[in-house]
C-alpha cells in the first residue's frame, strides 16, 4: 500500500521560526533578542531581529530582513558574528 503524501504536524518551511538569542544590557536593563528566521520562495534564508516588547503597542521593535544567506548554516554564522555593541546599535536604530 502506498504511503499517504499528506503529512500532519510538519511545519511549512516558509513559515518564520523564532529563536531566542542571549540578551544584552542597554541603558541599565536587559533587552531580550529573538531571531525570526524563514526560508524565502527563492530557497534563500532570511532573518530579522526582534527586540523585547514595547508596552504601549505590544509590537516588538524589529529590524528589516537584514540577514540573507543561501543556507541556514550560513545565516547562523552571520548572526553568531554579531557582538553586543552591534546589537545595541541595531536596537537603538529601531527603538528611537
PDB file of N, CA and C in Angstrom:
ATOM      1  N   UNK A   1       0.842  -1.171   0.000  1.00  0.00           N
ATOM      2  CA  UNK A   1       0.000   0.000   0.000  1.00  0.00           C
ATOM      3  C   UNK A   1       0.888   1.234   0.000  1.00  0.00           C
ATOM      4  N   UNK A   2       0.659   2.192  -0.905  1.00  0.00           N
ATOM      5  CA  UNK A   2       1.486   3.390  -0.948  1.00  0.00           C
ATOM      6  C   UNK A   2       1.215   4.292   0.248  1.00  0.00           C
ATOM      7  N   UNK A   3       2.248   4.995   0.659  1.00  0.00           N
ATOM      8  CA  UNK A   3       2.127   5.924   1.791  1.00  0.00           C
ATOM      9  C   UNK A   3       1.344   7.158   1.373  1.00  0.00           C
ATOM     10  N   UNK A   4       0.676   7.730   2.317  1.00  0.00           N
ATOM     11  CA  UNK A   4      -0.096   8.951   2.075  1.00  0.00           C
ATOM     12  C   UNK A   4       0.861  10.133   1.900  1.00  0.00           C
ATOM     13  N   UNK A   5       0.660  10.949   0.861  1.00  0.00           N
ATOM     14  CA  UNK A   5       1.550  12.090   0.665  1.00  0.00           C
ATOM     15  C   UNK A   5       1.286  13.233   1.638  1.00  0.00           C
ATOM     16  N   UNK A   6       0.199  13.168   2.391  1.00  0.00           N
ATOM     17  CA  UNK A   6      -0.156  14.236   3.317  1.00  0.00           C
ATOM     18  C   UNK A   6       0.546  13.985   4.644  1.00  0.00           C
ATOM     19  N   UNK A   7       1.223  15.003   5.133  1.00  0.00           N
ATOM     20  CA  UNK A   7       1.885  14.912   6.438  1.00  0.00           C
ATOM     21  C   UNK A   7       1.233  15.911   7.372  1.00  0.00           C
ATOM     22  N   UNK A   8       0.910  15.447   8.540  1.00  0.00           N
ATOM     23  CA  UNK A   8       0.320  16.317   9.544  1.00  0.00           C
ATOM     24  C   UNK A   8       1.390  16.674  10.574  1.00  0.00           C
ATOM     25  N   UNK A   9       1.389  17.908  11.007  1.00  0.00           N
ATOM     26  CA  UNK A   9       2.319  18.335  12.037  1.00  0.00           C
ATOM     27  C   UNK A   9       3.691  18.749  11.540  1.00  0.00           C
ATOM     28  N   UNK A  10       3.955  18.662  10.252  1.00  0.00           N
ATOM     29  CA  UNK A  10       5.236  19.106   9.706  1.00  0.00           C
ATOM     30  C   UNK A  10       5.088  20.575   9.334  1.00  0.00           C
ATOM     31  N   UNK A  11       5.919  21.467   9.904  1.00  0.00           N
ATOM     32  CA  UNK A  11       5.767  22.892   9.621  1.00  0.00           C
ATOM     33  C   UNK A  11       6.120  23.236   8.176  1.00  0.00           C
ATOM     34  N   UNK A  12       5.470  24.260   7.680  1.00  0.00           N
ATOM     35  CA  UNK A  12       5.771  24.789   6.351  1.00  0.00           C
ATOM     36  C   UNK A  12       7.143  25.455   6.423  1.00  0.00           C
ATOM     37  N   UNK A  13       8.087  25.110   5.548  1.00  0.00           N
ATOM     38  CA  UNK A  13       9.438  25.680   5.652  1.00  0.00           C
ATOM     39  C   UNK A  13       9.492  27.182   5.404  1.00  0.00           C
ATOM     40  N   UNK A  14       8.443  27.762   4.822  1.00  0.00           N
ATOM     41  CA  UNK A  14       8.459  29.204   4.602  1.00  0.00           C
ATOM     42  C   UNK A  14       7.859  29.977   5.777  1.00  0.00           C
ATOM     43  N   UNK A  15       7.259  29.274   6.744  1.00  0.00           N
ATOM     44  CA  UNK A  15       6.752  29.941   7.940  1.00  0.00           C
ATOM     45  C   UNK A  15       7.937  30.372   8.801  1.00  0.00           C
ATOM     46  N   UNK A  16       7.905  31.589   9.332  1.00  0.00           N
ATOM     47  CA  UNK A  16       9.032  32.034  10.161  1.00  0.00           C
ATOM     48  C   UNK A  16       9.116  31.250  11.467  1.00  0.00           C
ATOM     49  N   UNK A  17      10.339  31.034  11.907  1.00  0.00           N
ATOM     50  CA  UNK A  17      10.616  30.372  13.182  1.00  0.00           C
ATOM     51  C   UNK A  17      11.396  31.366  14.026  1.00  0.00           C
ATOM     52  N   UNK A  18      11.034  31.459  15.292  1.00  0.00           N
ATOM     53  CA  UNK A  18      11.688  32.427  16.180  1.00  0.00           C
ATOM     54  C   UNK A  18      12.612  31.683  17.142  1.00  0.00           C
ATOM     55  N   UNK A  19      13.860  32.179  17.219  1.00  0.00           N
ATOM     56  CA  UNK A  19      14.879  31.606  18.106  1.00  0.00           C
ATOM     57  C   UNK A  19      15.293  32.672  19.115  1.00  0.00           C
ATOM     58  N   UNK A  20      15.452  32.255  20.365  1.00  0.00           N
ATOM     59  CA  UNK A  20      15.928  33.153  21.420  1.00  0.00           C
ATOM     60  C   UNK A  20      17.443  33.298  21.316  1.00  0.00           C
ATOM     61  N   UNK A  21      17.913  34.530  21.413  1.00  0.00           N
ATOM     62  CA  UNK A  21      19.345  34.813  21.469  1.00  0.00           C
ATOM     63  C   UNK A  21      19.658  35.375  22.850  1.00  0.00           C
ATOM     64  N   UNK A  22      20.914  35.395  23.243  1.00  0.00           N
ATOM     65  CA  UNK A  22      21.250  35.951  24.563  1.00  0.00           C
ATOM     66  C   UNK A  22      20.877  37.437  24.648  1.00  0.00           C
ATOM     67  N   UNK A  23      20.340  37.860  25.800  1.00  0.00           N
ATOM     68  CA  UNK A  23      20.011  39.282  25.969  1.00  0.00           C
ATOM     69  C   UNK A  23      21.277  40.116  26.112  1.00  0.00           C
ATOM     70  N   UNK A  24      21.113  41.427  25.975  1.00  0.00           N
ATOM     71  CA  UNK A  24      22.235  42.339  26.165  1.00  0.00           C
ATOM     72  C   UNK A  24      21.797  43.486  27.062  1.00  0.00           C
ATOM     73  N   UNK A  25      22.784  44.165  27.640  1.00  0.00           N
ATOM     74  CA  UNK A  25      22.499  45.306  28.518  1.00  0.00           C
ATOM     75  C   UNK A  25      22.396  46.592  27.698  1.00  0.00           C
ATOM     76  N   UNK A  26      21.341  47.369  28.024  1.00  0.00           N
ATOM     77  CA  UNK A  26      21.172  48.669  27.379  1.00  0.00           C
ATOM     78  C   UNK A  26      20.482  49.594  28.366  1.00  0.00           C
ATOM     79  N   UNK A  27      21.080  50.710  28.620  1.00  0.00           N
ATOM     80  CA  UNK A  27      20.507  51.734  29.478  1.00  0.00           C
ATOM     81  C   UNK A  27      20.098  51.179  30.848  1.00  0.00           C
ATOM     82  N   UNK A  28      20.947  50.336  31.425  1.00  0.00           N
ATOM     83  CA  UNK A  28      20.715  49.820  32.762  1.00  0.00           C
ATOM     84  C   UNK A  28      19.805  48.606  32.851  1.00  0.00           C
ATOM     85  N   UNK A  29      19.304  48.103  31.750  1.00  0.00           N
ATOM     86  CA  UNK A  29      18.429  46.929  31.792  1.00  0.00           C
ATOM     87  C   UNK A  29      18.821  45.898  30.752  1.00  0.00           C
ATOM     88  N   UNK A  30      18.158  44.760  30.818  1.00  0.00           N
ATOM     89  CA  UNK A  30      18.401  43.706  29.840  1.00  0.00           C
ATOM     90  C   UNK A  30      17.371  43.794  28.720  1.00  0.00           C
ATOM     91  N   UNK A  31      17.832  43.666  27.496  1.00  0.00           N
ATOM     92  CA  UNK A  31      16.952  43.664  26.327  1.00  0.00           C
ATOM     93  C   UNK A  31      16.987  42.257  25.739  1.00  0.00           C
ATOM     94  N   UNK A  32      15.811  41.647  25.615  1.00  0.00           N
ATOM     95  CA  UNK A  32      15.748  40.322  25.012  1.00  0.00           C
ATOM     96  C   UNK A  32      15.879  40.440  23.500  1.00  0.00           C
ATOM     97  N   UNK A  33      16.472  39.411  22.886  1.00  0.00           N
ATOM     98  CA  UNK A  33      16.693  39.404  21.442  1.00  0.00           C
ATOM     99  C   UNK A  33      16.180  38.077  20.888  1.00  0.00           C
ATOM    100  N   UNK A  34      15.446  38.181  19.800  1.00  0.00           N
ATOM    101  CA  UNK A  34      14.976  36.991  19.103  1.00  0.00           C
ATOM    102  C   UNK A  34      15.339  37.119  17.632  1.00  0.00           C
ATOM    103  N   UNK A  35      15.616  35.993  17.016  1.00  0.00           N
ATOM    104  CA  UNK A  35      15.881  35.950  15.583  1.00  0.00           C
ATOM    105  C   UNK A  35      14.680  35.298  14.907  1.00  0.00           C
ATOM    106  N   UNK A  36      14.054  36.026  13.981  1.00  0.00           N
ATOM    107  CA  UNK A  36      12.975  35.460  13.181  1.00  0.00           C
ATOM    108  C   UNK A  36      13.586  34.993  11.868  1.00  0.00           C
ATOM    109  N   UNK A  37      13.532  33.706  11.641  1.00  0.00           N
ATOM    110  CA  UNK A  37      14.218  33.073  10.524  1.00  0.00           C
ATOM    111  C   UNK A  37      13.193  32.411   9.614  1.00  0.00           C
ATOM    112  N   UNK A  38      13.344  32.581   8.299  1.00  0.00           N
ATOM    113  CA  UNK A  38      12.433  31.930   7.358  1.00  0.00           C
ATOM    114  C   UNK A  38      13.164  31.607   6.067  1.00  0.00           C
ATOM    115  N   UNK A  39      12.619  30.638   5.353  1.00  0.00           N
ATOM    116  CA  UNK A  39      13.136  30.320   4.024  1.00  0.00           C
ATOM    117  C   UNK A  39      12.222  30.985   3.008  1.00  0.00           C
ATOM    118  N   UNK A  40      12.793  31.793   2.143  1.00  0.00           N
ATOM    119  CA  UNK A  40      12.025  32.542   1.151  1.00  0.00           C
ATOM    120  C   UNK A  40      11.629  31.637  -0.015  1.00  0.00           C
ATOM    121  N   UNK A  41      10.756  32.143  -0.859  1.00  0.00           N
ATOM    122  CA  UNK A  41      10.292  31.390  -2.022  1.00  0.00           C
ATOM    123  C   UNK A  41      11.422  31.024  -2.977  1.00  0.00           C
ATOM    124  N   UNK A  42      12.491  31.815  -2.992  1.00  0.00           N
ATOM    125  CA  UNK A  42      13.625  31.516  -3.876  1.00  0.00           C
ATOM    126  C   UNK A  42      14.647  30.581  -3.212  1.00  0.00           C
ATOM    127  N   UNK A  43      14.270  29.952  -2.111  1.00  0.00           N
ATOM    128  CA  UNK A  43      15.077  28.979  -1.351  1.00  0.00           C
ATOM    129  C   UNK A  43      16.259  29.588  -0.614  1.00  0.00           C
ATOM    130  N   UNK A  44      16.322  30.900  -0.506  1.00  0.00           N
ATOM    131  CA  UNK A  44      17.346  31.527   0.325  1.00  0.00           C
ATOM    132  C   UNK A  44      16.785  31.680   1.733  1.00  0.00           C
ATOM    133  N   UNK A  45      17.672  31.895   2.682  1.00  0.00           N
ATOM    134  CA  UNK A  45      17.272  32.081   4.077  1.00  0.00           C
ATOM    135  C   UNK A  45      17.376  33.550   4.428  1.00  0.00           C
ATOM    136  N   UNK A  46      16.384  34.036   5.145  1.00  0.00           N
ATOM    137  CA  UNK A  46      16.334  35.440   5.545  1.00  0.00           C
ATOM    138  C   UNK A  46      15.978  35.540   7.013  1.00  0.00           C
ATOM    139  N   UNK A  47      16.493  36.575   7.650  1.00  0.00           N
ATOM    140  CA  UNK A  47      16.208  36.726   9.065  1.00  0.00           C
ATOM    141  C   UNK A  47      16.201  38.175   9.490  1.00  0.00           C
ATOM    142  N   UNK A  48      15.511  38.413  10.595  1.00  0.00           N
ATOM    143  CA  UNK A  48      15.484  39.744  11.194  1.00  0.00           C
ATOM    144  C   UNK A  48      15.517  39.593  12.700  1.00  0.00           C
ATOM    145  N   UNK A  49      15.894  40.658  13.378  1.00  0.00           N
ATOM    146  CA  UNK A  49      15.986  40.645  14.829  1.00  0.00           C
ATOM    147  C   UNK A  49      14.781  41.336  15.437  1.00  0.00           C
ATOM    148  N   UNK A  50      14.252  40.747  16.515  1.00  0.00           N
ATOM    149  CA  UNK A  50      13.168  41.319  17.302  1.00  0.00           C
ATOM    150  C   UNK A  50      13.722  41.628  18.683  1.00  0.00           C
ATOM    151  N   UNK A  51      13.444  42.817  19.180  1.00  0.00           N
ATOM    152  CA  UNK A  51      13.997  43.258  20.462  1.00  0.00           C
ATOM    153  C   UNK A  51      12.878  43.509  21.468  1.00  0.00           C
ATOM    154  N   UNK A  52      12.815  42.708  22.532  1.00  0.00           N
ATOM    155  CA  UNK A  52      11.877  42.955  23.620  1.00  0.00           C
ATOM    156  C   UNK A  52      10.455  43.158  23.136  1.00  0.00           C
ATOM    157  N   UNK A  53       9.616  43.688  24.016  1.00  0.00           N
ATOM    158  CA  UNK A  53       8.229  44.023  23.673  1.00  0.00           C
ATOM    159  C   UNK A  53       7.957  45.416  24.224  1.00  0.00           C
ATOM    160  N   UNK A  54       7.387  46.288  23.405  1.00  0.00           N
ATOM    161  CA  UNK A  54       7.021  47.617  23.895  1.00  0.00           C
ATOM    162  C   UNK A  54       5.664  47.533  24.566  1.00  0.00           C
ATOM    163  N   UNK A  55       5.465  48.291  25.649  1.00  0.00           N
ATOM    164  CA  UNK A  55       4.238  48.218  26.434  1.00  0.00           C
ATOM    165  C   UNK A  55       3.034  48.858  25.750  1.00  0.00           C
ATOM    166  N   UNK A  56       3.220  50.004  25.126  1.00  0.00           N
ATOM    167  CA  UNK A  56       2.068  50.735  24.592  1.00  0.00           C
ATOM    168  C   UNK A  56       1.469  50.122  23.332  1.00  0.00           C
ATOM    169  N   UNK A  57       2.241  49.507  22.492  1.00  0.00           N
ATOM    170  CA  UNK A  57       1.711  48.939  21.246  1.00  0.00           C
ATOM    171  C   UNK A  57       1.673  47.418  21.248  1.00  0.00           C
ATOM    172  N   UNK A  58       2.491  46.784  22.064  1.00  0.00           N
ATOM    173  CA  UNK A  58       2.559  45.336  22.075  1.00  0.00           C
ATOM    174  C   UNK A  58       3.340  44.769  20.904  1.00  0.00           C
ATOM    175  N   UNK A  59       3.986  45.635  20.123  1.00  0.00           N
ATOM    176  CA  UNK A  59       4.777  45.203  18.975  1.00  0.00           C
ATOM    177  C   UNK A  59       6.252  45.368  19.302  1.00  0.00           C
ATOM    178  N   UNK A  60       7.024  44.353  18.991  1.00  0.00           N
ATOM    179  CA  UNK A  60       8.458  44.396  19.268  1.00  0.00           C
ATOM    180  C   UNK A  60       9.169  45.248  18.230  1.00  0.00           C
ATOM    181  N   UNK A  61      10.097  46.128  18.658  1.00  0.00           N
ATOM    182  CA  UNK A  61      10.932  46.807  17.669  1.00  0.00           C
ATOM    183  C   UNK A  61      11.723  45.742  16.906  1.00  0.00           C
ATOM    184  N   UNK A  62      11.806  45.889  15.596  1.00  0.00           N
ATOM    185  CA  UNK A  62      12.455  44.863  14.783  1.00  0.00           C
ATOM    186  C   UNK A  62      13.225  45.506  13.639  1.00  0.00           C
ATOM    187  N   UNK A  63      14.238  44.805  13.192  1.00  0.00           N
ATOM    188  CA  UNK A  63      14.981  45.226  12.012  1.00  0.00           C
ATOM    189  C   UNK A  63      14.234  44.725  10.772  1.00  0.00           C
ATOM    190  N   UNK A  64      14.644  45.188   9.634  1.00  0.00           N
ATOM    191  CA  UNK A  64      14.188  44.585   8.383  1.00  0.00           C
ATOM    192  C   UNK A  64      14.892  43.235   8.255  1.00  0.00           C
ATOM    193  N   UNK A  65      14.640  42.509   7.206  1.00  0.00           N
ATOM    194  CA  UNK A  65      15.325  41.232   6.999  1.00  0.00           C
ATOM    195  C   UNK A  65      16.759  41.497   6.543  1.00  0.00           C
ATOM    196  N   UNK A  66      17.609  41.821   7.518  1.00  0.00           N
ATOM    197  CA  UNK A  66      18.986  42.209   7.213  1.00  0.00           C
ATOM    198  C   UNK A  66      19.911  41.018   7.037  1.00  0.00           C
ATOM    199  N   UNK A  67      19.446  39.830   7.406  1.00  0.00           N
ATOM    200  CA  UNK A  67      20.263  38.630   7.237  1.00  0.00           C
ATOM    201  C   UNK A  67      19.783  37.879   6.002  1.00  0.00           C
ATOM    202  N   UNK A  68      20.745  37.470   5.175  1.00  0.00           N
ATOM    203  CA  UNK A  68      20.450  36.783   3.923  1.00  0.00           C
ATOM    204  C   UNK A  68      21.557  35.784   3.652  1.00  0.00           C
ATOM    205  N   UNK A  69      21.185  34.555   3.353  1.00  0.00           N
ATOM    206  CA  UNK A  69      22.195  33.534   3.055  1.00  0.00           C
ATOM    207  C   UNK A  69      21.571  32.443   2.196  1.00  0.00           C
ATOM    208  N   UNK A  70      22.428  31.661   1.567  1.00  0.00           N
ATOM    209  CA  UNK A  70      21.958  30.569   0.725  1.00  0.00           C
ATOM    210  C   UNK A  70      21.671  29.302   1.522  1.00  0.00           C
ATOM    211  N   UNK A  71      22.154  29.238   2.765  1.00  0.00           N
ATOM    212  CA  UNK A  71      21.852  28.087   3.613  1.00  0.00           C
ATOM    213  C   UNK A  71      21.571  28.587   5.032  1.00  0.00           C
ATOM    214  N   UNK A  72      20.860  27.771   5.772  1.00  0.00           N
ATOM    215  CA  UNK A  72      20.546  28.132   7.146  1.00  0.00           C
ATOM    216  C   UNK A  72      21.828  28.241   7.981  1.00  0.00           C
ATOM    217  N   UNK A  73      22.787  27.363   7.740  1.00  0.00           N
ATOM    218  CA  UNK A  73      24.055  27.391   8.477  1.00  0.00           C
ATOM    219  C   UNK A  73      24.816  28.690   8.218  1.00  0.00           C
ATOM    220  N   UNK A  74      24.817  29.163   6.968  1.00  0.00           N
ATOM    221  CA  UNK A  74      25.497  30.429   6.645  1.00  0.00           C
ATOM    222  C   UNK A  74      24.822  31.597   7.344  1.00  0.00           C
ATOM    223  N   UNK A  75      23.500  31.569   7.423  1.00  0.00           N
ATOM    224  CA  UNK A  75      22.789  32.662   8.095  1.00  0.00           C
ATOM    225  C   UNK A  75      23.124  32.671   9.582  1.00  0.00           C
ATOM    226  N   UNK A  76      23.157  31.488  10.205  1.00  0.00           N
ATOM    227  CA  UNK A  76      23.518  31.419  11.621  1.00  0.00           C
ATOM    228  C   UNK A  76      24.938  31.907  11.859  1.00  0.00           C
ATOM    229  N   UNK A  77      25.835  31.651  10.932  1.00  0.00           N
ATOM    230  CA  UNK A  77      27.205  32.136  11.070  1.00  0.00           C
ATOM    231  C   UNK A  77      27.228  33.666  11.113  1.00  0.00           C
ATOM    232  N   UNK A  78      26.405  34.302  10.279  1.00  0.00           N
ATOM    233  CA  UNK A  78      26.311  35.771  10.291  1.00  0.00           C
ATOM    234  C   UNK A  78      25.797  36.281  11.629  1.00  0.00           C
ATOM    235  N   UNK A  79      24.794  35.608  12.167  1.00  0.00           N
ATOM    236  CA  UNK A  79      24.208  36.032  13.442  1.00  0.00           C
ATOM    237  C   UNK A  79      25.208  35.852  14.572  1.00  0.00           C
ATOM    238  N   UNK A  80      25.924  34.749  14.587  1.00  0.00           N
ATOM    239  CA  UNK A  80      26.885  34.494  15.660  1.00  0.00           C
ATOM    240  C   UNK A  80      28.080  35.440  15.600  1.00  0.00           C
ATOM    241  N   UNK A  81      28.331  36.052  14.459  1.00  0.00           N
ATOM    242  CA  UNK A  81      29.430  37.014  14.342  1.00  0.00           C
ATOM    243  C   UNK A  81      29.088  38.376  14.944  1.00  0.00           C
ATOM    244  N   UNK A  82      27.813  38.615  15.236  1.00  0.00           N
ATOM    245  CA  UNK A  82      27.421  39.888  15.843  1.00  0.00           C
ATOM    246  C   UNK A  82      27.916  39.957  17.282  1.00  0.00           C
ATOM    247  N   UNK A  83      28.385  41.102  17.665  1.00  0.00           N
ATOM    248  CA  UNK A  83      28.813  41.331  19.040  1.00  0.00           C
ATOM    249  C   UNK A  83      27.770  42.204  19.736  1.00  0.00           C
ATOM    250  N   UNK A  84      27.899  42.315  21.053  1.00  0.00           N
ATOM    251  CA  UNK A  84      26.908  43.056  21.826  1.00  0.00           C
ATOM    252  C   UNK A  84      26.788  44.507  21.369  1.00  0.00           C
ATOM    253  N   UNK A  85      27.900  45.139  21.005  1.00  0.00           N
ATOM    254  CA  UNK A  85      27.811  46.542  20.572  1.00  0.00           C
ATOM    255  C   UNK A  85      27.049  46.658  19.248  1.00  0.00           C
ATOM    256  N   UNK A  86      27.111  45.626  18.381  1.00  0.00           N
ATOM    257  CA  UNK A  86      26.313  45.650  17.150  1.00  0.00           C
ATOM    258  C   UNK A  86      24.826  45.567  17.487  1.00  0.00           C
ATOM    259  N   UNK A  87      24.487  44.679  18.415  1.00  0.00           N
ATOM    260  CA  UNK A  87      23.090  44.529  18.817  1.00  0.00           C
ATOM    261  C   UNK A  87      22.554  45.813  19.444  1.00  0.00           C
ATOM    262  N   UNK A  88      23.371  46.455  20.298  1.00  0.00           N
ATOM    263  CA  UNK A  88      22.950  47.715  20.907  1.00  0.00           C
ATOM    264  C   UNK A  88      22.686  48.776  19.846  1.00  0.00           C
ATOM    265  N   UNK A  89      23.568  48.874  18.855  1.00  0.00           N
ATOM    266  CA  UNK A  89      23.380  49.868  17.792  1.00  0.00           C
ATOM    267  C   UNK A  89      22.139  49.569  16.967  1.00  0.00           C
ATOM    268  N   UNK A  90      21.921  48.308  16.642  1.00  0.00           N
ATOM    269  CA  UNK A  90      20.703  47.935  15.901  1.00  0.00           C
ATOM    270  C   UNK A  90      19.454  48.238  16.721  1.00  0.00           C
ATOM    271  N   UNK A  91      19.482  47.913  17.994  1.00  0.00           N
ATOM    272  CA  UNK A  91      18.342  48.198  18.879  1.00  0.00           C
ATOM    273  C   UNK A  91      18.068  49.696  18.941  1.00  0.00           C
ATOM    274  N   UNK A  92      19.117  50.472  19.123  1.00  0.00           N
ATOM    275  CA  UNK A  92      18.969  51.923  19.196  1.00  0.00           C
ATOM    276  C   UNK A  92      18.377  52.474  17.895  1.00  0.00           C
ATOM    277  N   UNK A  93      18.753  51.897  16.749  1.00  0.00           N
ATOM    278  CA  UNK A  93      18.260  52.409  15.460  1.00  0.00           C
ATOM    279  C   UNK A  93      16.788  52.102  15.223  1.00  0.00           C
ATOM    280  N   UNK A  94      16.260  51.029  15.809  1.00  0.00           N
ATOM    281  CA  UNK A  94      14.845  50.696  15.581  1.00  0.00           C
ATOM    282  C   UNK A  94      13.931  51.121  16.714  1.00  0.00           C
ATOM    283  N   UNK A  95      14.490  51.494  17.871  1.00  0.00           N
ATOM    284  CA  UNK A  95      13.649  51.856  19.000  1.00  0.00           C
ATOM    285  C   UNK A  95      13.520  53.349  19.236  1.00  0.00           C
ATOM    286  N   UNK A  96      14.418  54.140  18.670  1.00  0.00           N
ATOM    287  CA  UNK A  96      14.337  55.607  18.875  1.00  0.00           C
ATOM    288  C   UNK A  96      13.564  56.277  17.780  1.00  0.00           C
TER     289      UNK A  96
END
